[in-house]
Amino acid sequence: SACQTKIGELSRGDEVVGLNRAFLYAGTPTIIASLWNVDDAATGLLMKQFYSHWQGGMNKAEALQQAQKDLRETYPHPYFWAAFSLTGDAGNRE
């Protein structure tokens, strides 16, 4: 996993520049990133659930939201499931 991928540094103009923005500039349509260091087992479970829901027909935003709800059953503390955010195209499977 790429923990803390959305954390960036402040640059001129107070713009946050991080790995997340670099992927967007490079043409990546969608990024799911964590805002803080998250347990690898929890991250793996979240991503497994995300892809299952996305392949099942949900759009990316819905799939992430449902994966976070699923993760709460095993890991109820927000530390494990609240770190993840989606940036970019949240639409349907392509």
PDB file of N, CA and C in Angstrom:
ATOM      1  N   SER A   1       0.845  -1.190   0.000  1.00  0.00           N
ATOM      2  CA  SER A   1       0.000   0.000   0.000  1.00  0.00           C
ATOM      3  C   SER A   1       0.880   1.239   0.000  1.00  0.00           C
ATOM      4  N   ALA A   2       0.296   2.341  -0.347  1.00  0.00           N
ATOM      5  CA  ALA A   2       1.027   3.616  -0.359  1.00  0.00           C
ATOM      6  C   ALA A   2       0.414   4.504   0.709  1.00  0.00           C
ATOM      7  N   CYS A   3       0.813   4.284   1.930  1.00  0.00           N
ATOM      8  CA  CYS A   3       0.224   5.006   3.057  1.00  0.00           C
ATOM      9  C   CYS A   3       0.516   6.491   2.972  1.00  0.00           C
ATOM     10  N   GLN A   4      -0.412   7.262   3.421  1.00  0.00           N
ATOM     11  CA  GLN A   4      -0.300   8.715   3.470  1.00  0.00           C
ATOM     12  C   GLN A   4      -0.050   9.315   2.087  1.00  0.00           C
ATOM     13  N   THR A   5      -0.643   8.741   1.052  1.00  0.00           N
ATOM     14  CA  THR A   5      -0.387   9.196  -0.305  1.00  0.00           C
ATOM     15  C   THR A   5      -0.977  10.558  -0.608  1.00  0.00           C
ATOM     16  N   LYS A   6      -1.965  10.990   0.148  1.00  0.00           N
ATOM     17  CA  LYS A   6      -2.589  12.271  -0.153  1.00  0.00           C
ATOM     18  C   LYS A   6      -1.949  13.419   0.617  1.00  0.00           C
ATOM     19  N   ILE A   7      -1.097  13.115   1.566  1.00  0.00           N
ATOM     20  CA  ILE A   7      -0.430  14.167   2.324  1.00  0.00           C
ATOM     21  C   ILE A   7       0.608  14.810   1.419  1.00  0.00           C
ATOM     22  N   GLY A   8       0.628  16.118   1.371  1.00  0.00           N
ATOM     23  CA  GLY A   8       1.569  16.820   0.514  1.00  0.00           C
ATOM     24  C   GLY A   8       2.286  17.908   1.273  1.00  0.00           C
ATOM     25  N   GLU A   9       3.061  18.672   0.560  1.00  0.00           N
ATOM     26  CA  GLU A   9       3.775  19.795   1.140  1.00  0.00           C
ATOM     27  C   GLU A   9       3.141  21.075   0.627  1.00  0.00           C
ATOM     28  N   LEU A  10       3.185  22.114   1.443  1.00  0.00           N
ATOM     29  CA  LEU A  10       2.691  23.407   1.000  1.00  0.00           C
ATOM     30  C   LEU A  10       3.749  24.060   0.129  1.00  0.00           C
ATOM     31  N   SER A  11       3.312  24.621  -0.985  1.00  0.00           N
ATOM     32  CA  SER A  11       4.228  25.326  -1.869  1.00  0.00           C
ATOM     33  C   SER A  11       3.737  26.756  -2.034  1.00  0.00           C
ATOM     34  N   ARG A  12       4.388  27.510  -2.881  1.00  0.00           N
ATOM     35  CA  ARG A  12       3.946  28.886  -3.121  1.00  0.00           C
ATOM     36  C   ARG A  12       2.468  28.911  -3.431  1.00  0.00           C
ATOM     37  N   GLY A  13       1.771  29.861  -2.875  1.00  0.00           N
ATOM     38  CA  GLY A  13       0.337  29.960  -3.081  1.00  0.00           C
ATOM     39  C   GLY A  13      -0.443  29.007  -2.206  1.00  0.00           C
ATOM     40  N   ASP A  14       0.223  28.364  -1.265  1.00  0.00           N
ATOM     41  CA  ASP A  14      -0.404  27.420  -0.339  1.00  0.00           C
ATOM     42  C   ASP A  14      -1.065  26.245  -1.044  1.00  0.00           C
ATOM     43  N   GLU A  15      -0.629  25.942  -2.243  1.00  0.00           N
ATOM     44  CA  GLU A  15      -1.190  24.807  -2.962  1.00  0.00           C
ATOM     45  C   GLU A  15      -0.584  23.521  -2.408  1.00  0.00           C
ATOM     46  N   VAL A  16      -1.412  22.545  -2.136  1.00  0.00           N
ATOM     47  CA  VAL A  16      -0.918  21.262  -1.652  1.00  0.00           C
ATOM     48  C   VAL A  16      -0.455  20.440  -2.851  1.00  0.00           C
ATOM     49  N   VAL A  17       0.821  20.050  -2.808  1.00  0.00           N
ATOM     50  CA  VAL A  17       1.398  19.267  -3.889  1.00  0.00           C
ATOM     51  C   VAL A  17       1.846  17.945  -3.297  1.00  0.00           C
ATOM     52  N   GLY A  18       1.339  16.856  -3.811  1.00  0.00           N
ATOM     53  CA  GLY A  18       1.704  15.546  -3.310  1.00  0.00           C
ATOM     54  C   GLY A  18       1.588  14.514  -4.408  1.00  0.00           C
ATOM     55  N   LEU A  19       1.743  13.276  -4.034  1.00  0.00           N
ATOM     56  CA  LEU A  19       1.652  12.178  -4.982  1.00  0.00           C
ATOM     57  C   LEU A  19       0.288  12.153  -5.660  1.00  0.00           C
ATOM     58  N   ASN A  20      -0.747  12.490  -4.917  1.00  0.00           N
ATOM     59  CA  ASN A  20      -2.105  12.522  -5.448  1.00  0.00           C
ATOM     60  C   ASN A  20      -2.195  13.452  -6.656  1.00  0.00           C
ATOM     61  N   ARG A  21      -1.719  14.664  -6.505  1.00  0.00           N
ATOM     62  CA  ARG A  21      -1.781  15.653  -7.589  1.00  0.00           C
ATOM     63  C   ARG A  21      -0.881  15.237  -8.757  1.00  0.00           C
ATOM     64  N   ALA A  22       0.254  14.651  -8.460  1.00  0.00           N
ATOM     65  CA  ALA A  22       1.157  14.206  -9.523  1.00  0.00           C
ATOM     66  C   ALA A  22       0.482  13.166 -10.412  1.00  0.00           C
ATOM     67  N   PHE A  23      -0.239  12.243  -9.807  1.00  0.00           N
ATOM     68  CA  PHE A  23      -0.969  11.247 -10.596  1.00  0.00           C
ATOM     69  C   PHE A  23      -2.034  11.901 -11.467  1.00  0.00           C
ATOM     70  N   LEU A  24      -2.753  12.880 -10.929  1.00  0.00           N
ATOM     71  CA  LEU A  24      -3.763  13.586 -11.716  1.00  0.00           C
ATOM     72  C   LEU A  24      -3.123  14.310 -12.894  1.00  0.00           C
ATOM     73  N   TYR A  25      -2.021  15.004 -12.651  1.00  0.00           N
ATOM     74  CA  TYR A  25      -1.315  15.707 -13.726  1.00  0.00           C
ATOM     75  C   TYR A  25      -0.825  14.738 -14.798  1.00  0.00           C
ATOM     76  N   ALA A  26      -0.485  13.527 -14.394  1.00  0.00           N
ATOM     77  CA  ALA A  26       0.016  12.526 -15.335  1.00  0.00           C
ATOM     78  C   ALA A  26      -1.102  11.838 -16.113  1.00  0.00           C
ATOM     79  N   GLY A  27      -2.358  12.164 -15.785  1.00  0.00           N
ATOM     80  CA  GLY A  27      -3.478  11.613 -16.535  1.00  0.00           C
ATOM     81  C   GLY A  27      -4.222  10.474 -15.871  1.00  0.00           C
ATOM     82  N   THR A  28      -3.880  10.143 -14.643  1.00  0.00           N
ATOM     83  CA  THR A  28      -4.616   9.106 -13.926  1.00  0.00           C
ATOM     84  C   THR A  28      -6.021   9.627 -13.643  1.00  0.00           C
ATOM     85  N   PRO A  29      -7.070   8.923 -14.064  1.00  0.00           N
ATOM     86  CA  PRO A  29      -8.420   9.470 -13.905  1.00  0.00           C
ATOM     87  C   PRO A  29      -8.945   9.461 -12.473  1.00  0.00           C
ATOM     88  N   THR A  30      -8.547   8.478 -11.678  1.00  0.00           N
ATOM     89  CA  THR A  30      -9.090   8.338 -10.328  1.00  0.00           C
ATOM     90  C   THR A  30      -7.994   7.892  -9.374  1.00  0.00           C
ATOM     91  N   ILE A  31      -7.968   8.509  -8.202  1.00  0.00           N
ATOM     92  CA  ILE A  31      -7.008   8.135  -7.166  1.00  0.00           C
ATOM     93  C   ILE A  31      -7.766   7.881  -5.878  1.00  0.00           C
ATOM     94  N   ILE A  32      -7.484   6.762  -5.236  1.00  0.00           N
ATOM     95  CA  ILE A  32      -7.945   6.523  -3.873  1.00  0.00           C
ATOM     96  C   ILE A  32      -6.695   6.621  -3.018  1.00  0.00           C
ATOM     97  N   ALA A  33      -6.692   7.572  -2.104  1.00  0.00           N
ATOM     98  CA  ALA A  33      -5.504   7.847  -1.303  1.00  0.00           C
ATOM     99  C   ALA A  33      -5.869   7.915   0.173  1.00  0.00           C
ATOM    100  N   SER A  34      -4.871   7.700   1.009  1.00  0.00           N
ATOM    101  CA  SER A  34      -5.088   7.780   2.455  1.00  0.00           C
ATOM    102  C   SER A  34      -4.520   9.086   2.990  1.00  0.00           C
ATOM    103  N   LEU A  35      -5.187   9.630   3.971  1.00  0.00           N
ATOM    104  CA  LEU A  35      -4.773  10.887   4.583  1.00  0.00           C
ATOM    105  C   LEU A  35      -3.789  10.673   5.723  1.00  0.00           C
ATOM    106  N   TRP A  36      -3.687   9.458   6.225  1.00  0.00           N
ATOM    107  CA  TRP A  36      -2.720   9.133   7.267  1.00  0.00           C
ATOM    108  C   TRP A  36      -2.310   7.678   7.108  1.00  0.00           C
ATOM    109  N   ASN A  37      -1.263   7.301   7.819  1.00  0.00           N
ATOM    110  CA  ASN A  37      -0.724   5.956   7.799  1.00  0.00           C
ATOM    111  C   ASN A  37      -1.777   4.981   8.315  1.00  0.00           C
ATOM    112  N   VAL A  38      -2.144   3.997   7.504  1.00  0.00           N
ATOM    113  CA  VAL A  38      -3.198   3.049   7.873  1.00  0.00           C
ATOM    114  C   VAL A  38      -2.624   1.634   7.868  1.00  0.00           C
ATOM    115  N   ASP A  39      -3.117   0.819   8.770  1.00  0.00           N
ATOM    116  CA  ASP A  39      -2.740  -0.582   8.884  1.00  0.00           C
ATOM    117  C   ASP A  39      -2.858  -1.286   7.530  1.00  0.00           C
ATOM    118  N   ASP A  40      -1.833  -2.051   7.148  1.00  0.00           N
ATOM    119  CA  ASP A  40      -1.830  -2.730   5.851  1.00  0.00           C
ATOM    120  C   ASP A  40      -2.960  -3.741   5.699  1.00  0.00           C
ATOM    121  N   ALA A  41      -3.278  -4.467   6.762  1.00  0.00           N
ATOM    122  CA  ALA A  41      -4.356  -5.458   6.678  1.00  0.00           C
ATOM    123  C   ALA A  41      -5.696  -4.775   6.419  1.00  0.00           C
ATOM    124  N   ALA A  42      -5.947  -3.673   7.103  1.00  0.00           N
ATOM    125  CA  ALA A  42      -7.196  -2.930   6.901  1.00  0.00           C
ATOM    126  C   ALA A  42      -7.251  -2.348   5.494  1.00  0.00           C
ATOM    127  N   THR A  43      -6.127  -1.820   5.014  1.00  0.00           N
ATOM    128  CA  THR A  43      -6.078  -1.258   3.663  1.00  0.00           C
ATOM    129  C   THR A  43      -6.342  -2.337   2.621  1.00  0.00           C
ATOM    130  N   GLY A  44      -5.735  -3.491   2.799  1.00  0.00           N
ATOM    131  CA  GLY A  44      -5.952  -4.599   1.870  1.00  0.00           C
ATOM    132  C   GLY A  44      -7.400  -5.033   1.822  1.00  0.00           C
ATOM    133  N   LEU A  45      -8.026  -5.122   2.975  1.00  0.00           N
ATOM    134  CA  LEU A  45      -9.437  -5.505   3.037  1.00  0.00           C
ATOM    135  C   LEU A  45     -10.314  -4.448   2.375  1.00  0.00           C
ATOM    136  N   LEU A  46     -10.026  -3.177   2.641  1.00  0.00           N
ATOM    137  CA  LEU A  46     -10.799  -2.101   2.028  1.00  0.00           C
ATOM    138  C   LEU A  46     -10.697  -2.166   0.505  1.00  0.00           C
ATOM    139  N   MET A  47      -9.491  -2.340  -0.018  1.00  0.00           N
ATOM    140  CA  MET A  47      -9.318  -2.372  -1.468  1.00  0.00           C
ATOM    141  C   MET A  47      -9.975  -3.602  -2.091  1.00  0.00           C
ATOM    142  N   LYS A  48      -9.904  -4.725  -1.410  1.00  0.00           N
ATOM    143  CA  LYS A  48     -10.578  -5.930  -1.904  1.00  0.00           C
ATOM    144  C   LYS A  48     -12.082  -5.683  -2.002  1.00  0.00           C
ATOM    145  N   GLN A  49     -12.651  -5.078  -0.973  1.00  0.00           N
ATOM    146  CA  GLN A  49     -14.083  -4.772  -0.979  1.00  0.00           C
ATOM    147  C   GLN A  49     -14.416  -3.719  -2.041  1.00  0.00           C
ATOM    148  N   PHE A  50     -13.563  -2.701  -2.176  1.00  0.00           N
ATOM    149  CA  PHE A  50     -13.788  -1.669  -3.191  1.00  0.00           C
ATOM    150  C   PHE A  50     -13.908  -2.303  -4.572  1.00  0.00           C
ATOM    151  N   TYR A  51     -12.925  -3.124  -4.950  1.00  0.00           N
ATOM    152  CA  TYR A  51     -12.948  -3.723  -6.284  1.00  0.00           C
ATOM    153  C   TYR A  51     -14.123  -4.673  -6.461  1.00  0.00           C
ATOM    154  N   SER A  52     -14.496  -5.370  -5.426  1.00  0.00           N
ATOM    155  CA  SER A  52     -15.663  -6.247  -5.494  1.00  0.00           C
ATOM    156  C   SER A  52     -16.932  -5.448  -5.779  1.00  0.00           C
ATOM    157  N   HIS A  53     -17.118  -4.349  -5.069  1.00  0.00           N
ATOM    158  CA  HIS A  53     -18.305  -3.515  -5.278  1.00  0.00           C
ATOM    159  C   HIS A  53     -18.268  -2.817  -6.636  1.00  0.00           C
ATOM    160  N   TRP A  54     -17.097  -2.356  -7.047  1.00  0.00           N
ATOM    161  CA  TRP A  54     -16.968  -1.667  -8.330  1.00  0.00           C
ATOM    162  C   TRP A  54     -17.252  -2.630  -9.482  1.00  0.00           C
ATOM    163  N   GLN A  55     -16.681  -3.838  -9.411  1.00  0.00           N
ATOM    164  CA  GLN A  55     -16.927  -4.833 -10.447  1.00  0.00           C
ATOM    165  C   GLN A  55     -18.370  -5.318 -10.424  1.00  0.00           C
ATOM    166  N   GLY A  56     -19.028  -5.153  -9.265  1.00  0.00           N
ATOM    167  CA  GLY A  56     -20.432  -5.525  -9.143  1.00  0.00           C
ATOM    168  C   GLY A  56     -21.392  -4.487  -9.711  1.00  0.00           C
ATOM    169  N   GLY A  57     -20.863  -3.363 -10.209  1.00  0.00           N
ATOM    170  CA  GLY A  57     -21.709  -2.383 -10.873  1.00  0.00           C
ATOM    171  C   GLY A  57     -21.829  -1.025 -10.212  1.00  0.00           C
ATOM    172  N   MET A  58     -21.306  -0.869  -9.001  1.00  0.00           N
ATOM    173  CA  MET A  58     -21.352   0.452  -8.359  1.00  0.00           C
ATOM    174  C   MET A  58     -20.354   1.378  -9.046  1.00  0.00           C
ATOM    175  N   ASN A  59     -20.621   2.698  -8.994  1.00  0.00           N
ATOM    176  CA  ASN A  59     -19.588   3.612  -9.471  1.00  0.00           C
ATOM    177  C   ASN A  59     -18.486   3.659  -8.411  1.00  0.00           C
ATOM    178  N   LYS A  60     -17.390   4.310  -8.734  1.00  0.00           N
ATOM    179  CA  LYS A  60     -16.222   4.283  -7.847  1.00  0.00           C
ATOM    180  C   LYS A  60     -16.497   4.908  -6.483  1.00  0.00           C
ATOM    181  N   ALA A  61     -17.232   6.019  -6.476  1.00  0.00           N
ATOM    182  CA  ALA A  61     -17.542   6.683  -5.201  1.00  0.00           C
ATOM    183  C   ALA A  61     -18.422   5.795  -4.328  1.00  0.00           C
ATOM    184  N   GLU A  62     -19.436   5.177  -4.940  1.00  0.00           N
ATOM    185  CA  GLU A  62     -20.311   4.273  -4.185  1.00  0.00           C
ATOM    186  C   GLU A  62     -19.539   3.062  -3.680  1.00  0.00           C
ATOM    187  N   ALA A  63     -18.655   2.530  -4.517  1.00  0.00           N
ATOM    188  CA  ALA A  63     -17.870   1.354  -4.137  1.00  0.00           C
ATOM    189  C   ALA A  63     -16.951   1.662  -2.955  1.00  0.00           C
ATOM    190  N   LEU A  64     -16.326   2.843  -2.964  1.00  0.00           N
ATOM    191  CA  LEU A  64     -15.471   3.218  -1.833  1.00  0.00           C
ATOM    192  C   LEU A  64     -16.303   3.404  -0.574  1.00  0.00           C
ATOM    193  N   GLN A  65     -17.426   4.082  -0.702  1.00  0.00           N
ATOM    194  CA  GLN A  65     -18.284   4.299   0.470  1.00  0.00           C
ATOM    195  C   GLN A  65     -18.744   2.965   1.063  1.00  0.00           C
ATOM    196  N   GLN A  66     -19.160   2.036   0.207  1.00  0.00           N
ATOM    197  CA  GLN A  66     -19.615   0.740   0.710  1.00  0.00           C
ATOM    198  C   GLN A  66     -18.457  -0.052   1.304  1.00  0.00           C
ATOM    199  N   ALA A  67     -17.282   0.032   0.695  1.00  0.00           N
ATOM    200  CA  ALA A  67     -16.107  -0.660   1.239  1.00  0.00           C
ATOM    201  C   ALA A  67     -15.757  -0.120   2.621  1.00  0.00           C
ATOM    202  N   GLN A  68     -15.881   1.189   2.813  1.00  0.00           N
ATOM    203  CA  GLN A  68     -15.627   1.776   4.129  1.00  0.00           C
ATOM    204  C   GLN A  68     -16.662   1.286   5.142  1.00  0.00           C
ATOM    205  N   LYS A  69     -17.919   1.189   4.726  1.00  0.00           N
ATOM    206  CA  LYS A  69     -18.953   0.654   5.623  1.00  0.00           C
ATOM    207  C   LYS A  69     -18.649  -0.799   5.975  1.00  0.00           C
ATOM    208  N   ASP A  70     -18.236  -1.574   4.985  1.00  0.00           N
ATOM    209  CA  ASP A  70     -17.882  -2.977   5.225  1.00  0.00           C
ATOM    210  C   ASP A  70     -16.721  -3.082   6.212  1.00  0.00           C
ATOM    211  N   LEU A  71     -15.719  -2.239   6.027  1.00  0.00           N
ATOM    212  CA  LEU A  71     -14.536  -2.269   6.882  1.00  0.00           C
ATOM    213  C   LEU A  71     -14.878  -1.948   8.330  1.00  0.00           C
ATOM    214  N   ARG A  72     -15.891  -1.118   8.521  1.00  0.00           N
ATOM    215  CA  ARG A  72     -16.304  -0.747   9.885  1.00  0.00           C
ATOM    216  C   ARG A  72     -16.787  -1.947  10.684  1.00  0.00           C
ATOM    217  N   GLU A  73     -17.246  -2.988  10.011  1.00  0.00           N
ATOM    218  CA  GLU A  73     -17.696  -4.190  10.721  1.00  0.00           C
ATOM    219  C   GLU A  73     -16.524  -4.886  11.410  1.00  0.00           C
ATOM    220  N   THR A  74     -15.373  -4.908  10.757  1.00  0.00           N
ATOM    221  CA  THR A  74     -14.181  -5.549  11.312  1.00  0.00           C
ATOM    222  C   THR A  74     -13.329  -4.582  12.113  1.00  0.00           C
ATOM    223  N   TYR A  75     -13.247  -3.350  11.631  1.00  0.00           N
ATOM    224  CA  TYR A  75     -12.426  -2.303  12.248  1.00  0.00           C
ATOM    225  C   TYR A  75     -13.313  -1.091  12.546  1.00  0.00           C
ATOM    226  N   PRO A  76     -14.001  -1.066  13.680  1.00  0.00           N
ATOM    227  CA  PRO A  76     -14.956   0.019  13.945  1.00  0.00           C
ATOM    228  C   PRO A  76     -14.335   1.392  14.198  1.00  0.00           C
ATOM    229  N   HIS A  77     -13.075   1.446  14.598  1.00  0.00           N
ATOM    230  CA  HIS A  77     -12.466   2.747  14.882  1.00  0.00           C
ATOM    231  C   HIS A  77     -12.197   3.498  13.573  1.00  0.00           C
ATOM    232  N   PRO A  78     -12.540   4.788  13.502  1.00  0.00           N
ATOM    233  CA  PRO A  78     -12.348   5.566  12.268  1.00  0.00           C
ATOM    234  C   PRO A  78     -10.906   5.604  11.757  1.00  0.00           C
ATOM    235  N   TYR A  79      -9.936   5.377  12.624  1.00  0.00           N
ATOM    236  CA  TYR A  79      -8.539   5.336  12.184  1.00  0.00           C
ATOM    237  C   TYR A  79      -8.372   4.402  10.990  1.00  0.00           C
ATOM    238  N   PHE A  80      -9.092   3.294  10.981  1.00  0.00           N
ATOM    239  CA  PHE A  80      -8.915   2.268   9.963  1.00  0.00           C
ATOM    240  C   PHE A  80      -9.655   2.549   8.661  1.00  0.00           C
ATOM    241  N   TRP A  81     -10.819   3.188   8.721  1.00  0.00           N
ATOM    242  CA  TRP A  81     -11.628   3.330   7.511  1.00  0.00           C
ATOM    243  C   TRP A  81     -11.825   4.769   7.033  1.00  0.00           C
ATOM    244  N   ALA A  82     -11.609   5.766   7.883  1.00  0.00           N
ATOM    245  CA  ALA A  82     -11.912   7.152   7.508  1.00  0.00           C
ATOM    246  C   ALA A  82     -10.776   7.853   6.765  1.00  0.00           C
ATOM    247  N   ALA A  83      -9.632   7.232   6.643  1.00  0.00           N
ATOM    248  CA  ALA A  83      -8.473   7.885   6.027  1.00  0.00           C
ATOM    249  C   ALA A  83      -8.571   7.987   4.508  1.00  0.00           C
ATOM    250  N   PHE A  84      -9.451   7.224   3.901  1.00  0.00           N
ATOM    251  CA  PHE A  84      -9.442   7.086   2.448  1.00  0.00           C
ATOM    252  C   PHE A  84     -10.370   8.077   1.757  1.00  0.00           C
ATOM    253  N   SER A  85      -9.855   8.669   0.688  1.00  0.00           N
ATOM    254  CA  SER A  85     -10.671   9.588  -0.109  1.00  0.00           C
ATOM    255  C   SER A  85     -10.438   9.303  -1.586  1.00  0.00           C
ATOM    256  N   LEU A  86     -11.431   9.649  -2.376  1.00  0.00           N
ATOM    257  CA  LEU A  86     -11.370   9.454  -3.815  1.00  0.00           C
ATOM    258  C   LEU A  86     -11.281  10.820  -4.478  1.00  0.00           C
ATOM    259  N   THR A  87     -10.354  10.962  -5.405  1.00  0.00           N
ATOM    260  CA  THR A  87     -10.184  12.199  -6.157  1.00  0.00           C
ATOM    261  C   THR A  87     -10.251  11.867  -7.638  1.00  0.00           C
ATOM    262  N   GLY A  88     -10.905  12.718  -8.400  1.00  0.00           N
ATOM    263  CA  GLY A  88     -10.969  12.517  -9.845  1.00  0.00           C
ATOM    264  C   GLY A  88     -12.303  11.946 -10.271  1.00  0.00           C
ATOM    265  N   ASP A  89     -12.269  11.112 -11.296  1.00  0.00           N
ATOM    266  CA  ASP A  89     -13.476  10.535 -11.882  1.00  0.00           C
ATOM    267  C   ASP A  89     -14.075   9.493 -10.942  1.00  0.00           C
ATOM    268  N   ALA A  90     -15.248   9.793 -10.432  1.00  0.00           N
ATOM    269  CA  ALA A  90     -15.924   8.870  -9.510  1.00  0.00           C
ATOM    270  C   ALA A  90     -16.982   8.042 -10.223  1.00  0.00           C
ATOM    271  N   GLY A  91     -16.994   8.102 -11.536  1.00  0.00           N
ATOM    272  CA  GLY A  91     -18.052   7.483 -12.326  1.00  0.00           C
ATOM    273  C   GLY A  91     -17.987   5.980 -12.430  1.00  0.00           C
ATOM    274  N   ASN A  92     -18.742   5.481 -13.387  1.00  0.00           N
ATOM    275  CA  ASN A  92     -18.922   4.046 -13.590  1.00  0.00           C
ATOM    276  C   ASN A  92     -17.683   3.379 -14.161  1.00  0.00           C
ATOM    277  N   ARG A  93     -17.718   2.050 -14.189  1.00  0.00           N
ATOM    278  CA  ARG A  93     -16.623   1.271 -14.769  1.00  0.00           C
ATOM    279  C   ARG A  93     -16.479   1.625 -16.228  1.00  0.00           C
ATOM    280  N   GLU A  94     -15.258   1.593 -16.678  1.00  0.00           N
ATOM    281  CA  GLU A  94     -14.980   1.925 -18.082  1.00  0.00           C
ATOM    282  C   GLU A  94     -14.723   0.679 -18.878  1.00  0.00           C
TER     283      GLU A  94
END
